[in-house]
C-alpha atoms as a PDB file:
ATOM      1  CA  MET A   1     118.346 128.829 230.494  1.00  0.00           C
ATOM      2  CA  ILE A   2     121.427 128.999 227.878  1.00  0.00           C
ATOM      3  CA  SER A   3     123.903 127.879 230.332  1.00  0.00           C
ATOM      4  CA  SER A   4     121.864 124.831 231.398  1.00  0.00           C
ATOM      5  CA  LEU A   5     121.740 124.435 227.505  1.00  0.00           C
ATOM      6  CA  ALA A   6     125.052 124.897 227.035  1.00  0.00           C
ATOM      7  CA  ASP A   7     125.758 122.316 229.502  1.00  0.00           C
ATOM      8  CA  SER A   8     123.482 119.818 228.067  1.00  0.00           C
ATOM      9  CA  VAL A   9     125.385 120.084 224.860  1.00  0.00           C
ATOM     10  CA  LEU A  10     128.459 119.655 226.254  1.00  0.00           C
ATOM     11  CA  VAL A  11     127.693 116.598 228.253  1.00  0.00           C
ATOM     12  CA  THR A  12     126.319 115.128 224.884  1.00  0.00           C
ATOM     13  CA  PHE A  13     129.445 115.998 223.130  1.00  0.00           C
ATOM     14  CA  ILE A  14     131.442 113.743 225.761  1.00  0.00           C
ATOM     15  CA  VAL A  15     129.353 110.945 225.358  1.00  0.00           C
ATOM     16  CA  PHE A  16     129.695 111.338 221.615  1.00  0.00           C
ATOM     17  CA  CYS A  17     133.360 111.150 222.279  1.00  0.00           C
ATOM     18  CA  ARG A  18     133.702 107.793 223.878  1.00  0.00           C
ATOM     19  CA  ILE A  19     130.786 106.235 221.209  1.00  0.00           C
ATOM     20  CA  GLY A  20     132.463 107.944 218.225  1.00  0.00           C
ATOM     21  CA  ALA A  21     135.711 106.882 219.185  1.00  0.00           C
ATOM     22  CA  CYS A  22     134.655 103.421 219.521  1.00  0.00           C
ATOM     23  CA  LEU A  23     132.549 103.148 216.314  1.00  0.00           C
ATOM     24  CA  MET A  24     135.765 104.230 214.272  1.00  0.00           C
ATOM     25  CA  PHE A  25     137.403 101.424 214.963  1.00  0.00           C
ATOM     26  CA  VAL A  26     134.999  98.384 216.343  1.00  0.00           C
ATOM     27  CA  PRO A  27     134.382  95.634 213.377  1.00  0.00           C
ATOM     28  CA  GLY A  28     131.516  95.974 211.395  1.00  0.00           C
ATOM     29  CA  TYR A  29     130.645  99.758 211.661  1.00  0.00           C
ATOM     30  CA  SER A  30     134.322 100.716 211.000  1.00  0.00           C
ATOM     31  CA  SER A  31     134.478  98.956 207.857  1.00  0.00           C
ATOM     32  CA  VAL A  32     135.319 101.681 204.603  1.00  0.00           C
ATOM     33  CA  ASN A  33     132.094  99.927 202.571  1.00  0.00           C
ATOM     34  CA  VAL A  34     129.994 101.488 205.282  1.00  0.00           C
ATOM     35  CA  PRO A  35     129.486 105.195 204.472  1.00  0.00           C
ATOM     36  CA  ALA A  36     131.087 107.847 206.631  1.00  0.00           C
ATOM     37  CA  GLN A  37     127.618 109.288 207.085  1.00  0.00           C
ATOM     38  CA  VAL A  38     125.995 106.126 208.086  1.00  0.00           C
ATOM     39  CA  ARG A  39     128.626 105.892 210.797  1.00  0.00           C
ATOM     40  CA  LEU A  40     127.858 109.665 211.997  1.00  0.00           C
ATOM     41  CA  PHE A  41     124.403 108.838 211.926  1.00  0.00           C
ATOM     42  CA  ILE A  42     124.666 105.659 214.025  1.00  0.00           C
ATOM     43  CA  ALA A  43     127.130 107.278 216.706  1.00  0.00           C
ATOM     44  CA  LEU A  44     124.730 110.255 217.046  1.00  0.00           C
ATOM     45  CA  VAL A  45     121.862 107.963 217.466  1.00  0.00           C
ATOM     46  CA  THR A  46     123.558 105.948 220.271  1.00  0.00           C
ATOM     47  CA  THR A  47     124.785 109.151 221.593  1.00  0.00           C
ATOM     48  CA  PHE A  48     121.142 110.872 221.809  1.00  0.00           C
ATOM     49  CA  ALA A  49     120.218 107.593 223.543  1.00  0.00           C
ATOM     50  CA  LEU A  50     122.499 107.004 226.342  1.00  0.00           C
ATOM     51  CA  THR A  51     122.662 111.000 227.057  1.00  0.00           C
ATOM     52  CA  PRO A  52     119.720 111.413 229.202  1.00  0.00           C
ATOM     53  CA  ILE A  53     120.726 107.887 231.542  1.00  0.00           C
ATOM     54  CA  LEU A  54     124.525 109.471 231.847  1.00  0.00           C
ATOM     55  CA  ILE A  55     123.621 113.130 232.127  1.00  0.00           C
ATOM     56  CA  ALA A  56     123.540 112.819 235.986  1.00  0.00           C
ATOM     57  CA  VAL A  57     126.944 111.140 235.675  1.00  0.00           C
ATOM     58  CA  LEU A  58     128.814 113.646 233.416  1.00  0.00           C
ATOM     59  CA  LYS A  59     126.926 116.891 234.504  1.00  0.00           C
ATOM     60  CA  PRO A  60     128.781 117.376 237.701  1.00  0.00           C
ATOM     61  CA  LEU A  61     131.801 116.593 236.016  1.00  0.00           C
ATOM     62  CA  THR A  62     131.182 119.659 233.666  1.00  0.00           C
ATOM     63  CA  ASP A  63     129.389 122.495 235.996  1.00  0.00           C
ATOM     64  CA  GLN A  64     132.228 124.954 236.031  1.00  0.00           C
ATOM     65  CA  ALA A  65     135.059 122.978 235.334  1.00  0.00           C
ATOM     66  CA  ALA A  66     138.063 124.543 233.751  1.00  0.00           C
ATOM     67  CA  PRO A  67     139.063 124.395 230.328  1.00  0.00           C
ATOM     68  CA  LEU A  68     142.183 122.149 230.913  1.00  0.00           C
ATOM     69  CA  THR A  69     139.830 119.668 232.902  1.00  0.00           C
ATOM     70  CA  LEU A  70     137.426 119.444 230.227  1.00  0.00           C
ATOM     71  CA  ALA A  71     140.181 118.769 227.862  1.00  0.00           C
ATOM     72  CA  LEU A  72     141.528 115.939 229.772  1.00  0.00           C
ATOM     73  CA  LEU A  73     138.108 114.744 229.928  1.00  0.00           C
ATOM     74  CA  ILE A  74     137.271 114.705 226.456  1.00  0.00           C
ATOM     75  CA  GLY A  75     140.935 113.130 225.561  1.00  0.00           C
ATOM     76  CA  SER A  76     140.149 110.192 228.309  1.00  0.00           C
ATOM     77  CA  GLU A  77     136.713 109.267 226.862  1.00  0.00           C
ATOM     78  CA  VAL A  78     138.204 109.290 223.256  1.00  0.00           C
ATOM     79  CA  LEU A  79     140.816 106.904 224.631  1.00  0.00           C
ATOM     80  CA  VAL A  80     138.401 104.591 226.468  1.00  0.00           C
ATOM     81  CA  GLY A  81     136.291 104.557 223.144  1.00  0.00           C
ATOM     82  CA  SER A  82     139.247 103.589 220.952  1.00  0.00           C
ATOM     83  CA  VAL A  83     140.728 101.151 223.550  1.00  0.00           C
ATOM     84  CA  ILE A  84     136.946  99.202 223.300  1.00  0.00           C
ATOM     85  CA  GLY A  85     136.967  99.358 219.599  1.00  0.00           C
ATOM     86  CA  LEU A  86     140.303  98.247 219.304  1.00  0.00           C
ATOM     87  CA  GLY A  87     139.607  95.302 221.347  1.00  0.00           C
ATOM     88  CA  GLY A  88     137.387  93.609 218.965  1.00  0.00           C
ATOM     89  CA  ARG A  89     138.812  95.125 215.849  1.00  0.00           C
ATOM     90  CA  VAL A  90     142.123  93.115 216.582  1.00  0.00           C
ATOM     91  CA  PHE A  91     140.154  90.007 216.573  1.00  0.00           C
ATOM     92  CA  PHE A  92     139.236  90.642 213.045  1.00  0.00           C
ATOM     93  CA  LEU A  93     142.724  91.660 212.265  1.00  0.00           C
ATOM     94  CA  ALA A  94     144.254  88.564 213.559  1.00  0.00           C
ATOM     95  CA  LEU A  95     141.610  86.051 211.457  1.00  0.00           C
ATOM     96  CA  GLN A  96     142.588  88.111 208.199  1.00  0.00           C
ATOM     97  CA  THR A  97     146.516  87.579 209.176  1.00  0.00           C
ATOM     98  CA  MET A  98     145.719  84.179 209.485  1.00  0.00           C
ATOM     99  CA  ALA A  99     143.495  83.787 206.683  1.00  0.00           C
ATOM    100  CA  THR A 100     146.446  84.890 204.388  1.00  0.00           C
ATOM    101  CA  VAL A 101     148.916  82.328 205.944  1.00  0.00           C
ATOM    102  CA  MET A 102     145.708  79.686 204.996  1.00  0.00           C
ATOM    103  CA  ALA A 103     145.451  81.264 201.446  1.00  0.00           C
ATOM    104  CA  SER A 104     149.277  80.889 201.358  1.00  0.00           C
ATOM    105  CA  ALA A 105     149.161  77.422 202.485  1.00  0.00           C
ATOM    106  CA  ILE A 106     146.424  76.096 200.050  1.00  0.00           C
ATOM    107  CA  GLY A 107     148.353  77.889 196.913  1.00  0.00           C
ATOM    108  CA  LEU A 108     146.030  80.910 196.682  1.00  0.00           C
ATOM    109  CA  SER A 109     148.355  83.462 197.547  1.00  0.00           C
ATOM    110  CA  ASN A 110     149.022  84.506 194.149  1.00  0.00           C
ATOM    111  CA  ILE A 111     145.148  84.662 193.185  1.00  0.00           C
ATOM    112  CA  PRO A 112     143.918  88.318 194.142  1.00  0.00           C
ATOM    113  CA  GLY A 113     140.489  88.719 195.434  1.00  0.00           C
ATOM    114  CA  THR A 114     138.140  91.748 196.141  1.00  0.00           C
ATOM    115  CA  PRO A 115     138.911  93.988 199.358  1.00  0.00           C
ATOM    116  CA  ILE A 116     135.853  93.308 201.656  1.00  0.00           C
ATOM    117  CA  GLY A 117     137.028  95.583 204.731  1.00  0.00           C
ATOM    118  CA  ASP A 118     140.077  97.149 203.550  1.00  0.00           C
ATOM    119  CA  THR A 119     141.256  98.894 200.562  1.00  0.00           C
ATOM    120  CA  ASP A 120     144.680  96.756 200.303  1.00  0.00           C
ATOM    121  CA  PRO A 121     144.520  93.792 197.978  1.00  0.00           C
ATOM    122  CA  ALA A 122     144.201  90.361 199.316  1.00  0.00           C
ATOM    123  CA  PRO A 123     144.415  86.678 198.640  1.00  0.00           C
ATOM    124  CA  ALA A 124     141.002  85.192 197.304  1.00  0.00           C
ATOM    125  CA  LEU A 125     140.127  83.462 200.230  1.00  0.00           C
ATOM    126  CA  VAL A 126     140.682  86.200 202.744  1.00  0.00           C
ATOM    127  CA  PRO A 127     137.900  88.442 201.372  1.00  0.00           C
ATOM    128  CA  LEU A 128     135.757  85.158 201.512  1.00  0.00           C
ATOM    129  CA  ILE A 129     136.229  84.808 205.252  1.00  0.00           C
ATOM    130  CA  MET A 130     135.979  88.089 206.220  1.00  0.00           C
ATOM    131  CA  ALA A 131     132.708  88.892 204.632  1.00  0.00           C
ATOM    132  CA  SER A 132     131.752  85.496 206.540  1.00  0.00           C
ATOM    133  CA  VAL A 133     132.756  86.568 209.842  1.00  0.00           C
ATOM    134  CA  THR A 134     131.254  89.999 209.122  1.00  0.00           C
ATOM    135  CA  THR A 135     127.967  88.895 207.983  1.00  0.00           C
ATOM    136  CA  LEU A 136     127.756  86.658 211.117  1.00  0.00           C
ATOM    137  CA  PHE A 137     128.773  89.321 213.004  1.00  0.00           C
ATOM    138  CA  PHE A 138     125.469  91.200 212.586  1.00  0.00           C
ATOM    139  CA  MET A 139     123.126  88.012 212.041  1.00  0.00           C
ATOM    140  CA  THR A 140     124.155  87.018 215.342  1.00  0.00           C
ATOM    141  CA  ASP A 141     123.278  90.272 216.929  1.00  0.00           C
ATOM    142  CA  GLN A 142     126.613  90.893 218.161  1.00  0.00           C
ATOM    143  CA  HIS A 143     126.432  94.982 216.825  1.00  0.00           C
ATOM    144  CA  TRP A 144     123.932  95.049 219.470  1.00  0.00           C
ATOM    145  CA  GLN A 145     126.197  93.470 222.112  1.00  0.00           C
ATOM    146  CA  VAL A 146     129.150  96.196 221.015  1.00  0.00           C
ATOM    147  CA  LEU A 147     126.394  99.084 222.055  1.00  0.00           C
ATOM    148  CA  ARG A 148     125.304  97.245 225.217  1.00  0.00           C
ATOM    149  CA  GLY A 149     128.962  96.880 226.060  1.00  0.00           C
ATOM    150  CA  LEU A 150     129.756 100.715 225.331  1.00  0.00           C
ATOM    151  CA  MET A 151     126.752 101.485 228.248  1.00  0.00           C
ATOM    152  CA  ASN A 152     128.318  99.181 230.623  1.00  0.00           C
ATOM    153  CA  SER A 153     131.835 100.584 230.033  1.00  0.00           C
ATOM    154  CA  TYR A 154     130.731 103.642 232.197  1.00  0.00           C
ATOM    155  CA  ASP A 155     130.446 101.094 235.208  1.00  0.00           C
ATOM    156  CA  VAL A 156     134.101 100.030 234.497  1.00  0.00           C
ATOM    157  CA  TRP A 157     135.777 102.861 233.177  1.00  0.00           C
ATOM    158  CA  HIS A 158     134.018 105.959 235.098  1.00  0.00           C
ATOM    159  CA  PRO A 159     134.190 109.459 233.187  1.00  0.00           C
ATOM    160  CA  GLY A 160     136.816 111.806 234.907  1.00  0.00           C
ATOM    161  CA  ALA A 161     139.018 108.864 236.448  1.00  0.00           C
ATOM    162  CA  ARG A 162     142.531 108.896 235.336  1.00  0.00           C
ATOM    163  CA  LEU A 163     143.282 106.122 232.692  1.00  0.00           C
ATOM    164  CA  GLY A 164     146.868 105.357 232.192  1.00  0.00           C
ATOM    165  CA  GLY A 165     148.281 104.358 229.380  1.00  0.00           C
ATOM    166  CA  SER A 166     149.675 101.303 230.753  1.00  0.00           C
ATOM    167  CA  MET A 167     145.857  99.968 231.708  1.00  0.00           C
ATOM    168  CA  ALA A 168     145.207 100.826 227.944  1.00  0.00           C
ATOM    169  CA  LEU A 169     148.082  98.825 226.600  1.00  0.00           C
ATOM    170  CA  ASP A 170     147.270  95.974 229.053  1.00  0.00           C
ATOM    171  CA  GLN A 171     143.956  95.904 227.744  1.00  0.00           C
ATOM    172  CA  LEU A 172     145.156  96.095 224.140  1.00  0.00           C
ATOM    173  CA  VAL A 173     148.047  93.198 224.688  1.00  0.00           C
ATOM    174  CA  SER A 174     145.736  90.843 226.368  1.00  0.00           C
ATOM    175  CA  ARG A 175     143.017  90.947 223.592  1.00  0.00           C
ATOM    176  CA  LEU A 176     146.075  90.689 220.787  1.00  0.00           C
ATOM    177  CA  SER A 177     147.498  87.482 222.829  1.00  0.00           C
ATOM    178  CA  GLU A 178     143.865  85.960 222.793  1.00  0.00           C
ATOM    179  CA  ALA A 179     143.174  86.884 219.148  1.00  0.00           C
ATOM    180  CA  PHE A 180     146.096  85.543 217.943  1.00  0.00           C
ATOM    181  CA  VAL A 181     145.798  82.287 219.663  1.00  0.00           C
ATOM    182  CA  LEU A 182     142.432  81.940 218.321  1.00  0.00           C
ATOM    183  CA  THR A 183     143.293  82.215 215.215  1.00  0.00           C
ATOM    184  CA  LEU A 184     146.380  80.162 215.174  1.00  0.00           C
ATOM    185  CA  ARG A 185     144.120  77.513 216.724  1.00  0.00           C
ATOM    186  CA  ILE A 186     141.745  78.050 213.772  1.00  0.00           C
ATOM    187  CA  ALA A 187     144.290  77.989 211.118  1.00  0.00           C
ATOM    188  CA  SER A 188     146.260  75.036 212.356  1.00  0.00           C
ATOM    189  CA  PRO A 189     144.751  72.508 210.347  1.00  0.00           C
ATOM    190  CA  PHE A 190     145.973  74.614 207.252  1.00  0.00           C
ATOM    191  CA  ILE A 191     149.307  75.052 208.440  1.00  0.00           C
ATOM    192  CA  VAL A 192     149.934  71.312 209.422  1.00  0.00           C
ATOM    193  CA  TYR A 193     148.303  70.197 205.613  1.00  0.00           C
ATOM    194  CA  SER A 194     150.811  72.879 204.199  1.00  0.00           C
ATOM    195  CA  VAL A 195     153.678  71.116 206.133  1.00  0.00           C
ATOM    196  CA  ILE A 196     152.645  67.896 205.003  1.00  0.00           C
ATOM    197  CA  VAL A 197     151.858  68.436 201.331  1.00  0.00           C
ATOM    198  CA  ASN A 198     155.178  70.506 200.854  1.00  0.00           C
ATOM    199  CA  LEU A 199     157.035  67.395 202.584  1.00  0.00           C
ATOM    200  CA  ALA A 200     155.814  65.126 200.241  1.00  0.00           C
ATOM    201  CA  VAL A 201     155.879  66.840 197.074  1.00  0.00           C
ATOM    202  CA  GLY A 202     159.748  67.878 197.952  1.00  0.00           C
ATOM    203  CA  LEU A 203     160.179  64.152 198.452  1.00  0.00           C
ATOM    204  CA  ILE A 204     158.754  63.029 195.283  1.00  0.00           C
ATOM    205  CA  ASN A 205     160.470  65.920 193.421  1.00  0.00           C
ATOM    206  CA  LYS A 206     163.870  64.262 194.708  1.00  0.00           C
ATOM    207  CA  LEU A 207     162.807  60.988 193.479  1.00  0.00           C
ATOM    208  CA  THR A 208     161.990  61.887 190.263  1.00  0.00           C
ATOM    209  CA  PRO A 209     163.973  65.281 189.349  1.00  0.00           C
ATOM    210  CA  ALA A 210     163.255  64.862 185.781  1.00  0.00           C
ATOM    211  CA  ILE A 211     159.544  65.466 186.375  1.00  0.00           C
ATOM    212  CA  PRO A 212     158.503  68.976 187.303  1.00  0.00           C
ATOM    213  CA  VAL A 213     156.394  67.788 190.150  1.00  0.00           C
ATOM    214  CA  TYR A 214     155.721  71.062 191.746  1.00  0.00           C
ATOM    215  CA  PHE A 215     153.867  72.131 188.559  1.00  0.00           C
ATOM    216  CA  ILE A 216     151.932  68.917 188.345  1.00  0.00           C
ATOM    217  CA  SER A 217     150.921  69.042 191.937  1.00  0.00           C
ATOM    218  CA  VAL A 218     149.177  72.680 191.994  1.00  0.00           C
ATOM    219  CA  PRO A 219     145.760  71.301 191.206  1.00  0.00           C
ATOM    220  CA  PHE A 220     146.118  68.388 193.498  1.00  0.00           C
ATOM    221  CA  VAL A 221     147.319  70.894 196.469  1.00  0.00           C
ATOM    222  CA  LEU A 222     144.096  73.331 195.592  1.00  0.00           C
ATOM    223  CA  PHE A 223     141.603  70.343 195.647  1.00  0.00           C
ATOM    224  CA  GLY A 224     143.103  69.318 198.824  1.00  0.00           C
ATOM    225  CA  GLY A 225     143.093  72.681 200.473  1.00  0.00           C
ATOM    226  CA  PHE A 226     139.781  73.410 199.185  1.00  0.00           C
ATOM    227  CA  LEU A 227     138.286  70.197 200.478  1.00  0.00           C
ATOM    228  CA  LEU A 228     139.864  70.929 203.968  1.00  0.00           C
ATOM    229  CA  LEU A 229     138.244  74.426 203.817  1.00  0.00           C
ATOM    230  CA  TYR A 230     134.960  72.702 203.013  1.00  0.00           C
ATOM    231  CA  LEU A 231     135.275  70.393 206.189  1.00  0.00           C
ATOM    232  CA  THR A 232     136.407  72.864 208.745  1.00  0.00           C
ATOM    233  CA  SER A 233     134.515  76.005 207.488  1.00  0.00           C
ATOM    234  CA  ASP A 234     131.748  75.407 210.002  1.00  0.00           C
ATOM    235  CA  GLU A 235     133.900  74.786 212.902  1.00  0.00           C
ATOM    236  CA  LEU A 236     136.380  77.776 211.697  1.00  0.00           C
ATOM    237  CA  LEU A 237     133.236  80.534 211.787  1.00  0.00           C
ATOM    238  CA  THR A 238     131.865  79.076 214.924  1.00  0.00           C
ATOM    239  CA  GLN A 239     135.167  79.037 216.929  1.00  0.00           C
ATOM    240  CA  PHE A 240     135.472  82.782 215.800  1.00  0.00           C
ATOM    241  CA  MET A 241     132.490  84.145 216.540  1.00  0.00           C
ATOM    242  CA  LEU A 242     132.713  82.615 220.295  1.00  0.00           C
ATOM    243  CA  GLY A 243     135.934  84.174 220.900  1.00  0.00           C
ATOM    244  CA  VAL A 244     134.145  87.268 219.954  1.00  0.00           C
ATOM    245  CA  SER A 245     131.199  86.781 221.859  1.00  0.00           C
ATOM    246  CA  SER A 246     133.548  86.390 224.923  1.00  0.00           C
ATOM    247  CA  TRP A 247     135.221  89.238 224.424  1.00  0.00           C
ATOM    248  CA  LEU A 248     132.010  90.949 224.099  1.00  0.00           C
ATOM    249  CA  SER A 249     130.630  89.470 227.306  1.00  0.00           C
ATOM    250  CA  GLU A 250     133.654  90.776 229.471  1.00  0.00           C
END
């Protein structure tokens, strides 16, 4: 009886390793604004929900297993969970980087904003975009897709199977390339706007060197940037959420 209970606790802990590692990195759940107790509670609830389903798969791996084998199993589960969580996190990090580029393109780089997902200060436009996509992440029920993906991950990465470092790196590189191509496509109107505006302002400054054109043009550049943001914000958020959704469906 005691041995059976110990095996069940060990299986539960192994399930928790993958789920807890994923929730440490996955967007939404990993925000600094989410208390650690809440994240721990979500991880425990998810673990208790999945353990009865997975106990038949994991129990043969833990029965009379050597300590080194158990350590390798726990390490591989933590690695798998981290790779899954980072796969989604890189989309939000890429968008945060491109949002900083967008803020610089429309002249908002020197206006600080309140951090939303991180503790580092950022231009005012960055927290606005990150708060919007994080809200949409939960409103569109994609946080449930993350939990469903965790369950399906046991069919892709079987517990106890050897997970090479190259495989994990390939997954992260693939997600990074997808994320930055997506966010670069989203930020491209602002990059084009910045090039055109700076070229025009520089040309006018050469033609009228006695007038401080750069200081005079600041409110017009900001107005044009805000207008461009107003016209493209809906498509910006839609394209990003479709990109995240496509990652979750894989």
